[in-house]
Amino acid sequence: MKGNAFMENNLNEETRVALIGIMLENTNNTEQMNEILHEYGKFIIGRMGLPYRERNLFIVSVVLDAPASTISALSGKLGMIEGITTKVIYCS
């Protein structure tokens, strides 16, 4: 599994609950997005996807409980995929 060593190093860090909002404008990259989310599966509490067909846009919400560095890494990896924009909201 890719990124496994990074995630193992962060298991002792304090975790935070966060929501990653994902806007997917290019459905050709859905598989790549899902592969990355699968890598971080042990941190994911749940996810929900909403198609907005009128605008050819797919909106995905991912809620996770993870170290801040892991949340940032996941958001960054997703944001590097063409046609994907991400934003993270942290619970205080």
C-alpha atoms as a PDB file:
ATOM      1  CA  MET A   1       0.000   0.000   0.000  1.00  0.00           C
ATOM      2  CA  LYS A   2       1.440   3.388  -1.007  1.00  0.00           C
ATOM      3  CA  GLY A   3       2.065   5.894   1.772  1.00  0.00           C
ATOM      4  CA  ASN A   4       1.975   3.175   4.434  1.00  0.00           C
ATOM      5  CA  ALA A   5       5.298   4.174   6.050  1.00  0.00           C
ATOM      6  CA  PHE A   6       4.155   7.802   6.274  1.00  0.00           C
ATOM      7  CA  MET A   7       0.893   6.804   7.909  1.00  0.00           C
ATOM      8  CA  GLU A   8       2.603   4.423  10.354  1.00  0.00           C
ATOM      9  CA  ASN A   9       4.920   7.234  11.517  1.00  0.00           C
ATOM     10  CA  ASN A  10       1.912   9.419  12.348  1.00  0.00           C
ATOM     11  CA  LEU A  11      -0.091   6.942  14.420  1.00  0.00           C
ATOM     12  CA  ASN A  12       1.225   8.374  17.703  1.00  0.00           C
ATOM     13  CA  GLU A  13       0.197  11.947  16.855  1.00  0.00           C
ATOM     14  CA  GLU A  14      -2.943  13.493  18.294  1.00  0.00           C
ATOM     15  CA  THR A  15      -5.819  13.100  15.859  1.00  0.00           C
ATOM     16  CA  ARG A  16      -8.388  15.606  14.674  1.00  0.00           C
ATOM     17  CA  VAL A  17     -11.771  15.243  13.049  1.00  0.00           C
ATOM     18  CA  ALA A  18     -11.949  16.929   9.672  1.00  0.00           C
ATOM     19  CA  LEU A  19     -14.034  17.095   6.541  1.00  0.00           C
ATOM     20  CA  ILE A  20     -12.390  17.174   3.132  1.00  0.00           C
ATOM     21  CA  GLY A  21     -14.629  18.652   0.465  1.00  0.00           C
ATOM     22  CA  ILE A  22     -13.752  17.433  -3.020  1.00  0.00           C
ATOM     23  CA  MET A  23     -14.995  18.964  -6.286  1.00  0.00           C
ATOM     24  CA  LEU A  24     -14.415  16.577  -9.165  1.00  0.00           C
ATOM     25  CA  GLU A  25     -14.697  18.157 -12.608  1.00  0.00           C
ATOM     26  CA  ASN A  26     -12.980  15.398 -14.578  1.00  0.00           C
ATOM     27  CA  THR A  27     -14.584  11.974 -14.181  1.00  0.00           C
ATOM     28  CA  ASN A  28     -11.625  10.388 -15.980  1.00  0.00           C
ATOM     29  CA  ASN A  29      -9.709  10.682 -12.701  1.00  0.00           C
ATOM     30  CA  THR A  30     -12.301   9.068 -10.433  1.00  0.00           C
ATOM     31  CA  GLU A  31     -10.330   5.824 -10.196  1.00  0.00           C
ATOM     32  CA  GLN A  32      -7.162   7.655  -9.154  1.00  0.00           C
ATOM     33  CA  MET A  33      -9.115   9.565  -6.482  1.00  0.00           C
ATOM     34  CA  ASN A  34     -10.652   6.342  -5.141  1.00  0.00           C
ATOM     35  CA  GLU A  35      -7.244   4.633  -4.995  1.00  0.00           C
ATOM     36  CA  ILE A  36      -5.864   7.452  -2.854  1.00  0.00           C
ATOM     37  CA  LEU A  37      -8.915   7.415  -0.579  1.00  0.00           C
ATOM     38  CA  HIS A  38      -8.493   3.646  -0.199  1.00  0.00           C
ATOM     39  CA  GLU A  39      -4.876   4.178   0.975  1.00  0.00           C
ATOM     40  CA  TYR A  40      -6.216   6.324   3.823  1.00  0.00           C
ATOM     41  CA  GLY A  41      -9.210   4.080   4.553  1.00  0.00           C
ATOM     42  CA  LYS A  42      -8.303   3.388   8.175  1.00  0.00           C
ATOM     43  CA  PHE A  43      -8.727   7.095   8.951  1.00  0.00           C
ATOM     44  CA  ILE A  44     -11.996   7.611   7.062  1.00  0.00           C
ATOM     45  CA  ILE A  45     -15.175   7.690   9.149  1.00  0.00           C
ATOM     46  CA  GLY A  46     -17.448   8.045   6.132  1.00  0.00           C
ATOM     47  CA  ARG A  47     -17.881   9.552   2.703  1.00  0.00           C
ATOM     48  CA  MET A  48     -20.716  10.766   0.554  1.00  0.00           C
ATOM     49  CA  GLY A  49     -20.759  11.581  -3.145  1.00  0.00           C
ATOM     50  CA  LEU A  50     -23.293  13.777  -4.902  1.00  0.00           C
ATOM     51  CA  PRO A  51     -23.524  14.068  -8.680  1.00  0.00           C
ATOM     52  CA  TYR A  52     -24.490  17.519  -9.954  1.00  0.00           C
ATOM     53  CA  ARG A  53     -25.296  16.473 -13.501  1.00  0.00           C
ATOM     54  CA  GLU A  54     -26.474  19.887 -14.677  1.00  0.00           C
ATOM     55  CA  ARG A  55     -22.921  21.174 -14.235  1.00  0.00           C
ATOM     56  CA  ASN A  56     -21.073  17.911 -14.926  1.00  0.00           C
ATOM     57  CA  LEU A  57     -19.640  18.151 -11.412  1.00  0.00           C
ATOM     58  CA  PHE A  58     -19.292  15.551  -8.684  1.00  0.00           C
ATOM     59  CA  ILE A  59     -19.066  16.630  -5.050  1.00  0.00           C
ATOM     60  CA  VAL A  60     -17.544  14.271  -2.489  1.00  0.00           C
ATOM     61  CA  SER A  61     -17.409  14.780   1.276  1.00  0.00           C
ATOM     62  CA  VAL A  62     -14.932  12.707   3.271  1.00  0.00           C
ATOM     63  CA  VAL A  63     -14.957  12.775   7.081  1.00  0.00           C
ATOM     64  CA  LEU A  64     -11.906  11.437   8.861  1.00  0.00           C
ATOM     65  CA  ASP A  65     -10.213  11.203  12.238  1.00  0.00           C
ATOM     66  CA  ALA A  66      -6.466  11.419  11.696  1.00  0.00           C
ATOM     67  CA  PRO A  67      -3.317  13.326  12.584  1.00  0.00           C
ATOM     68  CA  ALA A  68      -3.285  16.810  11.025  1.00  0.00           C
ATOM     69  CA  SER A  69      -0.264  15.874   8.902  1.00  0.00           C
ATOM     70  CA  THR A  70      -2.145  12.882   7.460  1.00  0.00           C
ATOM     71  CA  ILE A  71      -5.201  15.006   6.670  1.00  0.00           C
ATOM     72  CA  SER A  72      -3.001  17.558   4.945  1.00  0.00           C
ATOM     73  CA  ALA A  73      -1.154  14.864   2.984  1.00  0.00           C
ATOM     74  CA  LEU A  74      -4.414  13.297   1.795  1.00  0.00           C
ATOM     75  CA  SER A  75      -5.868  16.638   0.741  1.00  0.00           C
ATOM     76  CA  GLY A  76      -2.637  17.529  -1.049  1.00  0.00           C
ATOM     77  CA  LYS A  77      -2.489  14.241  -2.950  1.00  0.00           C
ATOM     78  CA  LEU A  78      -6.101  14.620  -4.052  1.00  0.00           C
ATOM     79  CA  GLY A  79      -5.591  18.253  -5.030  1.00  0.00           C
ATOM     80  CA  MET A  80      -2.706  17.305  -7.317  1.00  0.00           C
ATOM     81  CA  ILE A  81      -5.038  15.268  -9.533  1.00  0.00           C
ATOM     82  CA  GLU A  82      -6.153  17.158 -12.629  1.00  0.00           C
ATOM     83  CA  GLY A  83      -9.763  18.310 -12.352  1.00  0.00           C
ATOM     84  CA  ILE A  84      -9.958  17.955  -8.559  1.00  0.00           C
ATOM     85  CA  THR A  85     -10.158  20.789  -6.032  1.00  0.00           C
ATOM     86  CA  THR A  86     -10.120  20.137  -2.281  1.00  0.00           C
ATOM     87  CA  LYS A  87     -10.763  22.118   0.877  1.00  0.00           C
ATOM     88  CA  VAL A  88     -10.331  20.952   4.477  1.00  0.00           C
ATOM     89  CA  ILE A  89     -12.488  21.978   7.422  1.00  0.00           C
ATOM     90  CA  TYR A  90     -11.244  21.026  10.895  1.00  0.00           C
ATOM     91  CA  CYS A  91     -13.388  20.505  13.967  1.00  0.00           C
ATOM     92  CA  SER A  92     -12.196  22.740  16.795  1.00  0.00           C
END
